[in-house]
């Protein structure tokens, strides 16, 4: 599931560098480096130097990475449906609202760091 989330974040442009991915997922940079290495070795992602800052490595999905992301989408949705099936619809809505508030706060904190 974590690999799929990383592919989705790269694809969406939400996080295209190893450090941003690590921050977004709460992983340490070593764990994120190993996960990215796995994706690169499987041919799902590529590393490229940033055009704006050559010290920064940016990540992009390969065609195979795109296919994997979209092919696994249904499976991921089913896992989430199963996990959330223990909650009432109102509880799912409340959870989504709370998570959105937490995400918004994380984004504000990240903006403070820059």
PDB file of N, CA and C in Angstrom:
ATOM      1  N   UNK A   1       0.827  -1.192   0.000  1.00  0.00           N
ATOM      2  CA  UNK A   1       0.000   0.000   0.000  1.00  0.00           C
ATOM      3  C   UNK A   1       0.873   1.258   0.000  1.00  0.00           C
ATOM      4  N   UNK A   2       1.980   1.237   0.764  1.00  0.00           N
ATOM      5  CA  UNK A   2       2.842   2.421   0.841  1.00  0.00           C
ATOM      6  C   UNK A   2       3.426   2.751  -0.526  1.00  0.00           C
ATOM      7  N   UNK A   3       3.834   1.733  -1.275  1.00  0.00           N
ATOM      8  CA  UNK A   3       4.381   1.999  -2.607  1.00  0.00           C
ATOM      9  C   UNK A   3       3.333   2.646  -3.500  1.00  0.00           C
ATOM     10  N   UNK A   4       2.093   2.193  -3.409  1.00  0.00           N
ATOM     11  CA  UNK A   4       1.028   2.778  -4.226  1.00  0.00           C
ATOM     12  C   UNK A   4       0.814   4.243  -3.829  1.00  0.00           C
ATOM     13  N   UNK A   5       0.848   4.531  -2.536  1.00  0.00           N
ATOM     14  CA  UNK A   5       0.677   5.908  -2.071  1.00  0.00           C
ATOM     15  C   UNK A   5       1.802   6.790  -2.599  1.00  0.00           C
ATOM     16  N   UNK A   6       3.034   6.283  -2.571  1.00  0.00           N
ATOM     17  CA  UNK A   6       4.160   7.050  -3.101  1.00  0.00           C
ATOM     18  C   UNK A   6       3.958   7.308  -4.594  1.00  0.00           C
ATOM     19  N   UNK A   7       3.557   6.299  -5.337  1.00  0.00           N
ATOM     20  CA  UNK A   7       3.286   6.494  -6.764  1.00  0.00           C
ATOM     21  C   UNK A   7       2.206   7.552  -6.972  1.00  0.00           C
ATOM     22  N   UNK A   8       1.159   7.500  -6.159  1.00  0.00           N
ATOM     23  CA  UNK A   8       0.061   8.472  -6.287  1.00  0.00           C
ATOM     24  C   UNK A   8       0.537   9.892  -5.974  1.00  0.00           C
ATOM     25  N   UNK A   9       1.359  10.046  -4.943  1.00  0.00           N
ATOM     26  CA  UNK A   9       1.868  11.377  -4.584  1.00  0.00           C
ATOM     27  C   UNK A   9       2.770  11.936  -5.675  1.00  0.00           C
ATOM     28  N   UNK A  10       3.624  11.087  -6.238  1.00  0.00           N
ATOM     29  CA  UNK A  10       4.492  11.535  -7.332  1.00  0.00           C
ATOM     30  C   UNK A  10       3.635  11.921  -8.532  1.00  0.00           C
ATOM     31  N   UNK A  11       2.690  11.082  -8.865  1.00  0.00           N
ATOM     32  CA  UNK A  11       1.830  11.327 -10.025  1.00  0.00           C
ATOM     33  C   UNK A  11       1.043  12.626  -9.879  1.00  0.00           C
ATOM     34  N   UNK A  12       0.549  12.900  -8.689  1.00  0.00           N
ATOM     35  CA  UNK A  12      -0.266  14.098  -8.455  1.00  0.00           C
ATOM     36  C   UNK A  12       0.583  15.367  -8.369  1.00  0.00           C
ATOM     37  N   UNK A  13       1.888  15.188  -8.235  1.00  0.00           N
ATOM     38  CA  UNK A  13       2.756  16.351  -8.078  1.00  0.00           C
ATOM     39  C   UNK A  13       2.772  16.873  -6.648  1.00  0.00           C
ATOM     40  N   UNK A  14       2.132  16.154  -5.754  1.00  0.00           N
ATOM     41  CA  UNK A  14       2.080  16.550  -4.346  1.00  0.00           C
ATOM     42  C   UNK A  14       3.461  16.470  -3.715  1.00  0.00           C
ATOM     43  N   UNK A  15       4.205  15.439  -4.098  1.00  0.00           N
ATOM     44  CA  UNK A  15       5.553  15.253  -3.577  1.00  0.00           C
ATOM     45  C   UNK A  15       6.385  14.616  -4.672  1.00  0.00           C
ATOM     46  N   UNK A  16       7.357  15.346  -5.169  1.00  0.00           N
ATOM     47  CA  UNK A  16       8.168  14.812  -6.258  1.00  0.00           C
ATOM     48  C   UNK A  16       9.641  14.688  -5.886  1.00  0.00           C
ATOM     49  N   UNK A  17       9.965  14.922  -4.613  1.00  0.00           N
ATOM     50  CA  UNK A  17      11.338  14.741  -4.154  1.00  0.00           C
ATOM     51  C   UNK A  17      11.339  13.751  -2.988  1.00  0.00           C
ATOM     52  N   UNK A  18      12.448  13.052  -2.789  1.00  0.00           N
ATOM     53  CA  UNK A  18      12.503  12.106  -1.668  1.00  0.00           C
ATOM     54  C   UNK A  18      12.227  12.766  -0.313  1.00  0.00           C
ATOM     55  N   UNK A  19      12.750  13.965  -0.085  1.00  0.00           N
ATOM     56  CA  UNK A  19      12.539  14.600   1.219  1.00  0.00           C
ATOM     57  C   UNK A  19      11.077  14.988   1.424  1.00  0.00           C
ATOM     58  N   UNK A  20      10.432  15.465   0.386  1.00  0.00           N
ATOM     59  CA  UNK A  20       9.012  15.830   0.512  1.00  0.00           C
ATOM     60  C   UNK A  20       8.149  14.583   0.724  1.00  0.00           C
ATOM     61  N   UNK A  21       8.477  13.504   0.031  1.00  0.00           N
ATOM     62  CA  UNK A  21       7.751  12.248   0.242  1.00  0.00           C
ATOM     63  C   UNK A  21       7.911  11.777   1.685  1.00  0.00           C
ATOM     64  N   UNK A  22       9.139  11.826   2.190  1.00  0.00           N
ATOM     65  CA  UNK A  22       9.386  11.400   3.567  1.00  0.00           C
ATOM     66  C   UNK A  22       8.565  12.238   4.538  1.00  0.00           C
ATOM     67  N   UNK A  23       8.544  13.550   4.329  1.00  0.00           N
ATOM     68  CA  UNK A  23       7.755  14.435   5.208  1.00  0.00           C
ATOM     69  C   UNK A  23       6.269  14.123   5.111  1.00  0.00           C
ATOM     70  N   UNK A  24       5.762  13.979   3.896  1.00  0.00           N
ATOM     71  CA  UNK A  24       4.327  13.735   3.712  1.00  0.00           C
ATOM     72  C   UNK A  24       3.874  12.421   4.321  1.00  0.00           C
ATOM     73  N   UNK A  25       4.745  11.424   4.312  1.00  0.00           N
ATOM     74  CA  UNK A  25       4.358  10.108   4.823  1.00  0.00           C
ATOM     75  C   UNK A  25       4.838   9.833   6.237  1.00  0.00           C
ATOM     76  N   UNK A  26       5.611  10.758   6.799  1.00  0.00           N
ATOM     77  CA  UNK A  26       6.113  10.553   8.143  1.00  0.00           C
ATOM     78  C   UNK A  26       7.184   9.483   8.224  1.00  0.00           C
ATOM     79  N   UNK A  27       7.896   9.251   7.123  1.00  0.00           N
ATOM     80  CA  UNK A  27       8.987   8.272   7.093  1.00  0.00           C
ATOM     81  C   UNK A  27      10.309   9.002   7.291  1.00  0.00           C
ATOM     82  N   UNK A  28      11.298   8.286   7.793  1.00  0.00           N
ATOM     83  CA  UNK A  28      12.624   8.895   7.827  1.00  0.00           C
ATOM     84  C   UNK A  28      13.224   8.802   6.419  1.00  0.00           C
ATOM     85  N   UNK A  29      14.230   9.615   6.161  1.00  0.00           N
ATOM     86  CA  UNK A  29      14.776   9.692   4.809  1.00  0.00           C
ATOM     87  C   UNK A  29      15.434   8.381   4.387  1.00  0.00           C
ATOM     88  N   UNK A  30      15.999   7.634   5.321  1.00  0.00           N
ATOM     89  CA  UNK A  30      16.598   6.345   4.979  1.00  0.00           C
ATOM     90  C   UNK A  30      15.562   5.356   4.476  1.00  0.00           C
ATOM     91  N   UNK A  31      14.445   5.267   5.191  1.00  0.00           N
ATOM     92  CA  UNK A  31      13.366   4.362   4.767  1.00  0.00           C
ATOM     93  C   UNK A  31      12.807   4.794   3.422  1.00  0.00           C
ATOM     94  N   UNK A  32      12.670   6.102   3.217  1.00  0.00           N
ATOM     95  CA  UNK A  32      12.137   6.588   1.949  1.00  0.00           C
ATOM     96  C   UNK A  32      13.112   6.299   0.815  1.00  0.00           C
ATOM     97  N   UNK A  33      14.400   6.445   1.068  1.00  0.00           N
ATOM     98  CA  UNK A  33      15.406   6.145   0.039  1.00  0.00           C
ATOM     99  C   UNK A  33      15.320   4.682  -0.398  1.00  0.00           C
ATOM    100  N   UNK A  34      15.151   3.784   0.572  1.00  0.00           N
ATOM    101  CA  UNK A  34      15.031   2.361   0.249  1.00  0.00           C
ATOM    102  C   UNK A  34      13.763   2.086  -0.557  1.00  0.00           C
ATOM    103  N   UNK A  35      12.659   2.721  -0.187  1.00  0.00           N
ATOM    104  CA  UNK A  35      11.407   2.523  -0.907  1.00  0.00           C
ATOM    105  C   UNK A  35      11.536   3.054  -2.337  1.00  0.00           C
ATOM    106  N   UNK A  36      12.142   4.219  -2.505  1.00  0.00           N
ATOM    107  CA  UNK A  36      12.324   4.801  -3.837  1.00  0.00           C
ATOM    108  C   UNK A  36      13.240   3.913  -4.672  1.00  0.00           C
ATOM    109  N   UNK A  37      14.293   3.409  -4.054  1.00  0.00           N
ATOM    110  CA  UNK A  37      15.216   2.510  -4.771  1.00  0.00           C
ATOM    111  C   UNK A  37      14.464   1.292  -5.295  1.00  0.00           C
ATOM    112  N   UNK A  38      13.558   0.766  -4.493  1.00  0.00           N
ATOM    113  CA  UNK A  38      12.731  -0.369  -4.906  1.00  0.00           C
ATOM    114  C   UNK A  38      11.871  -0.003  -6.122  1.00  0.00           C
ATOM    115  N   UNK A  39      11.237   1.164  -6.069  1.00  0.00           N
ATOM    116  CA  UNK A  39      10.394   1.607  -7.188  1.00  0.00           C
ATOM    117  C   UNK A  39      11.222   1.809  -8.456  1.00  0.00           C
ATOM    118  N   UNK A  40      12.410   2.383  -8.308  1.00  0.00           N
ATOM    119  CA  UNK A  40      13.296   2.599  -9.458  1.00  0.00           C
ATOM    120  C   UNK A  40      13.747   1.255 -10.023  1.00  0.00           C
ATOM    121  N   UNK A  41      14.152   0.341  -9.161  1.00  0.00           N
ATOM    122  CA  UNK A  41      14.610  -0.980  -9.613  1.00  0.00           C
ATOM    123  C   UNK A  41      13.507  -1.766 -10.309  1.00  0.00           C
ATOM    124  N   UNK A  42      12.266  -1.545  -9.900  1.00  0.00           N
ATOM    125  CA  UNK A  42      11.120  -2.223 -10.536  1.00  0.00           C
ATOM    126  C   UNK A  42      10.680  -1.523 -11.814  1.00  0.00           C
ATOM    127  N   UNK A  43      11.316  -0.391 -12.124  1.00  0.00           N
ATOM    128  CA  UNK A  43      10.984   0.333 -13.351  1.00  0.00           C
ATOM    129  C   UNK A  43       9.715   1.162 -13.241  1.00  0.00           C
ATOM    130  N   UNK A  44       9.306   1.481 -12.013  1.00  0.00           N
ATOM    131  CA  UNK A  44       8.072   2.240 -11.808  1.00  0.00           C
ATOM    132  C   UNK A  44       8.304   3.743 -11.697  1.00  0.00           C
ATOM    133  N   UNK A  45       9.529   4.123 -11.332  1.00  0.00           N
ATOM    134  CA  UNK A  45       9.857   5.540 -11.157  1.00  0.00           C
ATOM    135  C   UNK A  45      11.272   5.796 -11.666  1.00  0.00           C
ATOM    136  N   UNK A  46      11.523   7.068 -11.965  1.00  0.00           N
ATOM    137  CA  UNK A  46      12.851   7.497 -12.398  1.00  0.00           C
ATOM    138  C   UNK A  46      13.281   8.682 -11.561  1.00  0.00           C
ATOM    139  N   UNK A  47      14.589   8.775 -11.343  1.00  0.00           N
ATOM    140  CA  UNK A  47      15.169   9.940 -10.674  1.00  0.00           C
ATOM    141  C   UNK A  47      15.738  10.862 -11.752  1.00  0.00           C
ATOM    142  N   UNK A  48      15.545  12.164 -11.540  1.00  0.00           N
ATOM    143  CA  UNK A  48      16.115  13.154 -12.453  1.00  0.00           C
ATOM    144  C   UNK A  48      16.569  14.351 -11.649  1.00  0.00           C
ATOM    145  N   UNK A  49      17.687  14.978 -12.057  1.00  0.00           N
ATOM    146  CA  UNK A  49      18.086  16.207 -11.374  1.00  0.00           C
ATOM    147  C   UNK A  49      17.055  17.307 -11.638  1.00  0.00           C
ATOM    148  N   UNK A  50      16.768  18.092 -10.634  1.00  0.00           N
ATOM    149  CA  UNK A  50      15.843  19.212 -10.786  1.00  0.00           C
ATOM    150  C   UNK A  50      16.424  20.224 -11.767  1.00  0.00           C
ATOM    151  N   UNK A  51      15.580  20.778 -12.608  1.00  0.00           N
ATOM    152  CA  UNK A  51      16.033  21.809 -13.540  1.00  0.00           C
ATOM    153  C   UNK A  51      16.326  23.118 -12.821  1.00  0.00           C
ATOM    154  N   UNK A  52      15.646  23.353 -11.709  1.00  0.00           N
ATOM    155  CA  UNK A  52      15.837  24.616 -10.990  1.00  0.00           C
ATOM    156  C   UNK A  52      16.950  24.549  -9.952  1.00  0.00           C
ATOM    157  N   UNK A  53      17.259  23.333  -9.467  1.00  0.00           N
ATOM    158  CA  UNK A  53      18.306  23.173  -8.459  1.00  0.00           C
ATOM    159  C   UNK A  53      18.937  21.803  -8.647  1.00  0.00           C
ATOM    160  N   UNK A  54      20.093  21.765  -9.260  1.00  0.00           N
ATOM    161  CA  UNK A  54      20.743  20.509  -9.611  1.00  0.00           C
ATOM    162  C   UNK A  54      21.090  19.641  -8.392  1.00  0.00           C
ATOM    163  N   UNK A  55      21.064  20.218  -7.193  1.00  0.00           N
ATOM    164  CA  UNK A  55      21.335  19.432  -5.987  1.00  0.00           C
ATOM    165  C   UNK A  55      20.138  18.574  -5.603  1.00  0.00           C
ATOM    166  N   UNK A  56      18.979  18.887  -6.145  1.00  0.00           N
ATOM    167  CA  UNK A  56      17.728  18.211  -5.791  1.00  0.00           C
ATOM    168  C   UNK A  56      17.406  17.143  -6.828  1.00  0.00           C
ATOM    169  N   UNK A  57      17.012  15.978  -6.345  1.00  0.00           N
ATOM    170  CA  UNK A  57      16.560  14.904  -7.225  1.00  0.00           C
ATOM    171  C   UNK A  57      15.044  14.892  -7.251  1.00  0.00           C
ATOM    172  N   UNK A  58      14.495  14.928  -8.450  1.00  0.00           N
ATOM    173  CA  UNK A  58      13.039  14.844  -8.600  1.00  0.00           C
ATOM    174  C   UNK A  58      12.673  13.460  -9.117  1.00  0.00           C
ATOM    175  N   UNK A  59      11.479  13.038  -8.781  1.00  0.00           N
ATOM    176  CA  UNK A  59      10.992  11.723  -9.176  1.00  0.00           C
ATOM    177  C   UNK A  59       9.842  11.857 -10.158  1.00  0.00           C
ATOM    178  N   UNK A  60       9.829  10.984 -11.131  1.00  0.00           N
ATOM    179  CA  UNK A  60       8.718  10.906 -12.077  1.00  0.00           C
ATOM    180  C   UNK A  60       8.331   9.447 -12.232  1.00  0.00           C
ATOM    181  N   UNK A  61       7.111   9.226 -12.657  1.00  0.00           N
ATOM    182  CA  UNK A  61       6.667   7.861 -12.912  1.00  0.00           C
ATOM    183  C   UNK A  61       7.007   7.476 -14.342  1.00  0.00           C
ATOM    184  N   UNK A  62       7.369   6.230 -14.514  1.00  0.00           N
ATOM    185  CA  UNK A  62       7.541   5.682 -15.850  1.00  0.00           C
ATOM    186  C   UNK A  62       6.163   5.270 -16.368  1.00  0.00           C
ATOM    187  N   UNK A  63       6.105   4.857 -17.615  1.00  0.00           N
ATOM    188  CA  UNK A  63       4.836   4.357 -18.164  1.00  0.00           C
ATOM    189  C   UNK A  63       4.354   3.148 -17.355  1.00  0.00           C
ATOM    190  N   UNK A  64       5.291   2.304 -16.956  1.00  0.00           N
ATOM    191  CA  UNK A  64       4.930   1.143 -16.135  1.00  0.00           C
ATOM    192  C   UNK A  64       4.425   1.578 -14.761  1.00  0.00           C
ATOM    193  N   UNK A  65       5.018   2.632 -14.202  1.00  0.00           N
ATOM    194  CA  UNK A  65       4.558   3.174 -12.928  1.00  0.00           C
ATOM    195  C   UNK A  65       3.143   3.714 -13.027  1.00  0.00           C
ATOM    196  N   UNK A  66       2.864   4.405 -14.125  1.00  0.00           N
ATOM    197  CA  UNK A  66       1.504   4.915 -14.372  1.00  0.00           C
ATOM    198  C   UNK A  66       0.509   3.754 -14.451  1.00  0.00           C
ATOM    199  N   UNK A  67       0.884   2.728 -15.199  1.00  0.00           N
ATOM    200  CA  UNK A  67      -0.006   1.569 -15.352  1.00  0.00           C
ATOM    201  C   UNK A  67      -0.237   0.873 -14.015  1.00  0.00           C
ATOM    202  N   UNK A  68       0.810   0.747 -13.217  1.00  0.00           N
ATOM    203  CA  UNK A  68       0.684   0.117 -11.900  1.00  0.00           C
ATOM    204  C   UNK A  68      -0.227   0.939 -10.999  1.00  0.00           C
ATOM    205  N   UNK A  69      -0.016   2.249 -10.999  1.00  0.00           N
ATOM    206  CA  UNK A  69      -0.845   3.135 -10.180  1.00  0.00           C
ATOM    207  C   UNK A  69      -2.315   2.982 -10.528  1.00  0.00           C
ATOM    208  N   UNK A  70      -2.620   3.052 -11.809  1.00  0.00           N
ATOM    209  CA  UNK A  70      -4.022   2.980 -12.222  1.00  0.00           C
ATOM    210  C   UNK A  70      -4.588   1.567 -12.110  1.00  0.00           C
ATOM    211  N   UNK A  71      -3.742   0.565 -12.337  1.00  0.00           N
ATOM    212  CA  UNK A  71      -4.196  -0.823 -12.239  1.00  0.00           C
ATOM    213  C   UNK A  71      -4.504  -1.259 -10.816  1.00  0.00           C
ATOM    214  N   UNK A  72      -3.806  -0.673  -9.850  1.00  0.00           N
ATOM    215  CA  UNK A  72      -4.010  -1.038  -8.450  1.00  0.00           C
ATOM    216  C   UNK A  72      -5.064  -0.188  -7.752  1.00  0.00           C
ATOM    217  N   UNK A  73      -5.548   0.838  -8.428  1.00  0.00           N
ATOM    218  CA  UNK A  73      -6.521   1.750  -7.821  1.00  0.00           C
ATOM    219  C   UNK A  73      -7.747   1.046  -7.266  1.00  0.00           C
ATOM    220  N   UNK A  74      -8.283   0.114  -8.017  1.00  0.00           N
ATOM    221  CA  UNK A  74      -9.482  -0.611  -7.578  1.00  0.00           C
ATOM    222  C   UNK A  74      -9.195  -1.422  -6.313  1.00  0.00           C
ATOM    223  N   UNK A  75      -8.048  -2.071  -6.284  1.00  0.00           N
ATOM    224  CA  UNK A  75      -7.656  -2.856  -5.103  1.00  0.00           C
ATOM    225  C   UNK A  75      -7.538  -1.949  -3.874  1.00  0.00           C
ATOM    226  N   UNK A  76      -6.902  -0.808  -4.035  1.00  0.00           N
ATOM    227  CA  UNK A  76      -6.727   0.130  -2.917  1.00  0.00           C
ATOM    228  C   UNK A  76      -8.087   0.631  -2.428  1.00  0.00           C
ATOM    229  N   UNK A  77      -8.973   0.970  -3.367  1.00  0.00           N
ATOM    230  CA  UNK A  77     -10.323   1.400  -2.960  1.00  0.00           C
ATOM    231  C   UNK A  77     -11.040   0.305  -2.176  1.00  0.00           C
ATOM    232  N   UNK A  78     -10.893  -0.940  -2.604  1.00  0.00           N
ATOM    233  CA  UNK A  78     -11.544  -2.050  -1.894  1.00  0.00           C
ATOM    234  C   UNK A  78     -10.977  -2.239  -0.492  1.00  0.00           C
ATOM    235  N   UNK A  79      -9.677  -2.076  -0.341  1.00  0.00           N
ATOM    236  CA  UNK A  79      -9.062  -2.181   0.985  1.00  0.00           C
ATOM    237  C   UNK A  79      -9.619  -1.095   1.898  1.00  0.00           C
ATOM    238  N   UNK A  80      -9.704   0.143   1.380  1.00  0.00           N
ATOM    239  CA  UNK A  80     -10.248   1.245   2.181  1.00  0.00           C
ATOM    240  C   UNK A  80     -11.720   1.010   2.524  1.00  0.00           C
ATOM    241  N   UNK A  81     -12.491   0.518   1.567  1.00  0.00           N
ATOM    242  CA  UNK A  81     -13.908   0.216   1.835  1.00  0.00           C
ATOM    243  C   UNK A  81     -14.036  -0.785   2.969  1.00  0.00           C
ATOM    244  N   UNK A  82     -13.226  -1.828   2.908  1.00  0.00           N
ATOM    245  CA  UNK A  82     -13.265  -2.862   3.943  1.00  0.00           C
ATOM    246  C   UNK A  82     -12.860  -2.289   5.296  1.00  0.00           C
ATOM    247  N   UNK A  83     -11.808  -1.490   5.310  1.00  0.00           N
ATOM    248  CA  UNK A  83     -11.337  -0.908   6.570  1.00  0.00           C
ATOM    249  C   UNK A  83     -12.383   0.019   7.176  1.00  0.00           C
ATOM    250  N   UNK A  84     -13.063   0.783   6.331  1.00  0.00           N
ATOM    251  CA  UNK A  84     -14.048   1.747   6.827  1.00  0.00           C
ATOM    252  C   UNK A  84     -15.427   1.134   7.068  1.00  0.00           C
ATOM    253  N   UNK A  85     -15.604  -0.119   6.679  1.00  0.00           N
ATOM    254  CA  UNK A  85     -16.917  -0.745   6.834  1.00  0.00           C
ATOM    255  C   UNK A  85     -17.311  -0.910   8.304  1.00  0.00           C
ATOM    256  N   UNK A  86     -16.351  -0.836   9.207  1.00  0.00           N
ATOM    257  CA  UNK A  86     -16.649  -0.947  10.636  1.00  0.00           C
ATOM    258  C   UNK A  86     -17.274   0.334  11.182  1.00  0.00           C
ATOM    259  N   UNK A  87     -17.245   1.400  10.404  1.00  0.00           N
ATOM    260  CA  UNK A  87     -17.774   2.691  10.849  1.00  0.00           C
ATOM    261  C   UNK A  87     -19.133   2.975  10.222  1.00  0.00           C
ATOM    262  N   UNK A  88     -19.923   3.755  10.927  1.00  0.00           N
ATOM    263  CA  UNK A  88     -21.189   4.240  10.379  1.00  0.00           C
ATOM    264  C   UNK A  88     -20.889   5.358   9.378  1.00  0.00           C
ATOM    265  N   UNK A  89     -21.771   5.604   8.420  1.00  0.00           N
ATOM    266  CA  UNK A  89     -21.527   6.667   7.437  1.00  0.00           C
ATOM    267  C   UNK A  89     -21.203   8.030   8.068  1.00  0.00           C
ATOM    268  N   UNK A  90     -21.888   8.345   9.181  1.00  0.00           N
ATOM    269  CA  UNK A  90     -21.616   9.625   9.848  1.00  0.00           C
ATOM    270  C   UNK A  90     -20.195   9.652  10.416  1.00  0.00           C
ATOM    271  N   UNK A  91     -19.744   8.498  10.910  1.00  0.00           N
ATOM    272  CA  UNK A  91     -18.391   8.413  11.460  1.00  0.00           C
ATOM    273  C   UNK A  91     -17.341   8.553  10.356  1.00  0.00           C
ATOM    274  N   UNK A  92     -17.615   7.981   9.198  1.00  0.00           N
ATOM    275  CA  UNK A  92     -16.695   8.121   8.065  1.00  0.00           C
ATOM    276  C   UNK A  92     -16.596   9.593   7.672  1.00  0.00           C
ATOM    277  N   UNK A  93     -17.727  10.283   7.625  1.00  0.00           N
ATOM    278  CA  UNK A  93     -17.730  11.712   7.288  1.00  0.00           C
ATOM    279  C   UNK A  93     -16.956  12.506   8.342  1.00  0.00           C
ATOM    280  N   UNK A  94     -17.145  12.183   9.606  1.00  0.00           N
ATOM    281  CA  UNK A  94     -16.428  12.874  10.678  1.00  0.00           C
ATOM    282  C   UNK A  94     -14.928  12.609  10.578  1.00  0.00           C
ATOM    283  N   UNK A  95     -14.552  11.361  10.309  1.00  0.00           N
ATOM    284  CA  UNK A  95     -13.137  11.016  10.146  1.00  0.00           C
ATOM    285  C   UNK A  95     -12.521  11.800   8.997  1.00  0.00           C
ATOM    286  N   UNK A  96     -13.215  11.849   7.875  1.00  0.00           N
ATOM    287  CA  UNK A  96     -12.711  12.592   6.712  1.00  0.00           C
ATOM    288  C   UNK A  96     -12.527  14.066   7.052  1.00  0.00           C
ATOM    289  N   UNK A  97     -13.475  14.630   7.765  1.00  0.00           N
ATOM    290  CA  UNK A  97     -13.390  16.032   8.153  1.00  0.00           C
ATOM    291  C   UNK A  97     -12.202  16.281   9.075  1.00  0.00           C
ATOM    292  N   UNK A  98     -12.019  15.406  10.049  1.00  0.00           N
ATOM    293  CA  UNK A  98     -10.901  15.555  10.982  1.00  0.00           C
ATOM    294  C   UNK A  98      -9.553  15.388  10.273  1.00  0.00           C
ATOM    295  N   UNK A  99      -9.471  14.416   9.395  1.00  0.00           N
ATOM    296  CA  UNK A  99      -8.220  14.209   8.661  1.00  0.00           C
ATOM    297  C   UNK A  99      -7.905  15.390   7.752  1.00  0.00           C
ATOM    298  N   UNK A 100      -8.923  15.979   7.169  1.00  0.00           N
ATOM    299  CA  UNK A 100      -8.715  17.162   6.336  1.00  0.00           C
ATOM    300  C   UNK A 100      -8.177  18.320   7.169  1.00  0.00           C
ATOM    301  N   UNK A 101      -8.703  18.484   8.384  1.00  0.00           N
ATOM    302  CA  UNK A 101      -8.191  19.533   9.272  1.00  0.00           C
ATOM    303  C   UNK A 101      -6.737  19.292   9.645  1.00  0.00           C
ATOM    304  N   UNK A 102      -6.397  18.041   9.923  1.00  0.00           N
ATOM    305  CA  UNK A 102      -5.012  17.707  10.268  1.00  0.00           C
ATOM    306  C   UNK A 102      -4.106  17.947   9.053  1.00  0.00           C
ATOM    307  N   UNK A 103      -4.544  17.521   7.879  1.00  0.00           N
ATOM    308  CA  UNK A 103      -3.763  17.736   6.666  1.00  0.00           C
ATOM    309  C   UNK A 103      -3.542  19.221   6.409  1.00  0.00           C
ATOM    310  N   UNK A 104      -4.574  20.017   6.585  1.00  0.00           N
ATOM    311  CA  UNK A 104      -4.456  21.463   6.405  1.00  0.00           C
ATOM    312  C   UNK A 104      -3.431  22.034   7.373  1.00  0.00           C
ATOM    313  N   UNK A 105      -3.447  21.557   8.598  1.00  0.00           N
ATOM    314  CA  UNK A 105      -2.473  22.044   9.584  1.00  0.00           C
ATOM    315  C   UNK A 105      -1.055  21.633   9.213  1.00  0.00           C
ATOM    316  N   UNK A 106      -0.876  20.397   8.738  1.00  0.00           N
ATOM    317  CA  UNK A 106       0.440  19.962   8.280  1.00  0.00           C
ATOM    318  C   UNK A 106       0.941  20.854   7.149  1.00  0.00           C
ATOM    319  N   UNK A 107       0.059  21.187   6.234  1.00  0.00           N
ATOM    320  CA  UNK A 107       0.454  22.052   5.114  1.00  0.00           C
ATOM    321  C   UNK A 107       0.847  23.442   5.612  1.00  0.00           C
ATOM    322  N   UNK A 108       0.129  23.940   6.622  1.00  0.00           N
ATOM    323  CA  UNK A 108       0.492  25.237   7.201  1.00  0.00           C
ATOM    324  C   UNK A 108       1.871  25.166   7.863  1.00  0.00           C
ATOM    325  N   UNK A 109       2.116  24.088   8.587  1.00  0.00           N
ATOM    326  CA  UNK A 109       3.416  23.911   9.249  1.00  0.00           C
ATOM    327  C   UNK A 109       4.538  23.796   8.238  1.00  0.00           C
ATOM    328  N   UNK A 110       4.275  23.091   7.163  1.00  0.00           N
ATOM    329  CA  UNK A 110       5.273  22.948   6.118  1.00  0.00           C
ATOM    330  C   UNK A 110       5.586  24.303   5.483  1.00  0.00           C
ATOM    331  N   UNK A 111       4.567  25.116   5.301  1.00  0.00           N
ATOM    332  CA  UNK A 111       4.765  26.466   4.766  1.00  0.00           C
ATOM    333  C   UNK A 111       5.586  27.334   5.701  1.00  0.00           C
ATOM    334  N   UNK A 112       5.456  27.103   7.011  1.00  0.00           N
ATOM    335  CA  UNK A 112       6.250  27.840   7.992  1.00  0.00           C
ATOM    336  C   UNK A 112       7.726  27.498   7.903  1.00  0.00           C
ATOM    337  N   UNK A 113       8.027  26.254   7.476  1.00  0.00           N
ATOM    338  CA  UNK A 113       9.417  25.801   7.377  1.00  0.00           C
ATOM    339  C   UNK A 113      10.133  26.361   6.169  1.00  0.00           C
ATOM    340  N   UNK A 114       9.395  26.771   5.170  1.00  0.00           N
ATOM    341  CA  UNK A 114      10.022  27.220   3.923  1.00  0.00           C
ATOM    342  C   UNK A 114      10.340  28.682   3.919  1.00  0.00           C
TER     343      UNK A 114
END
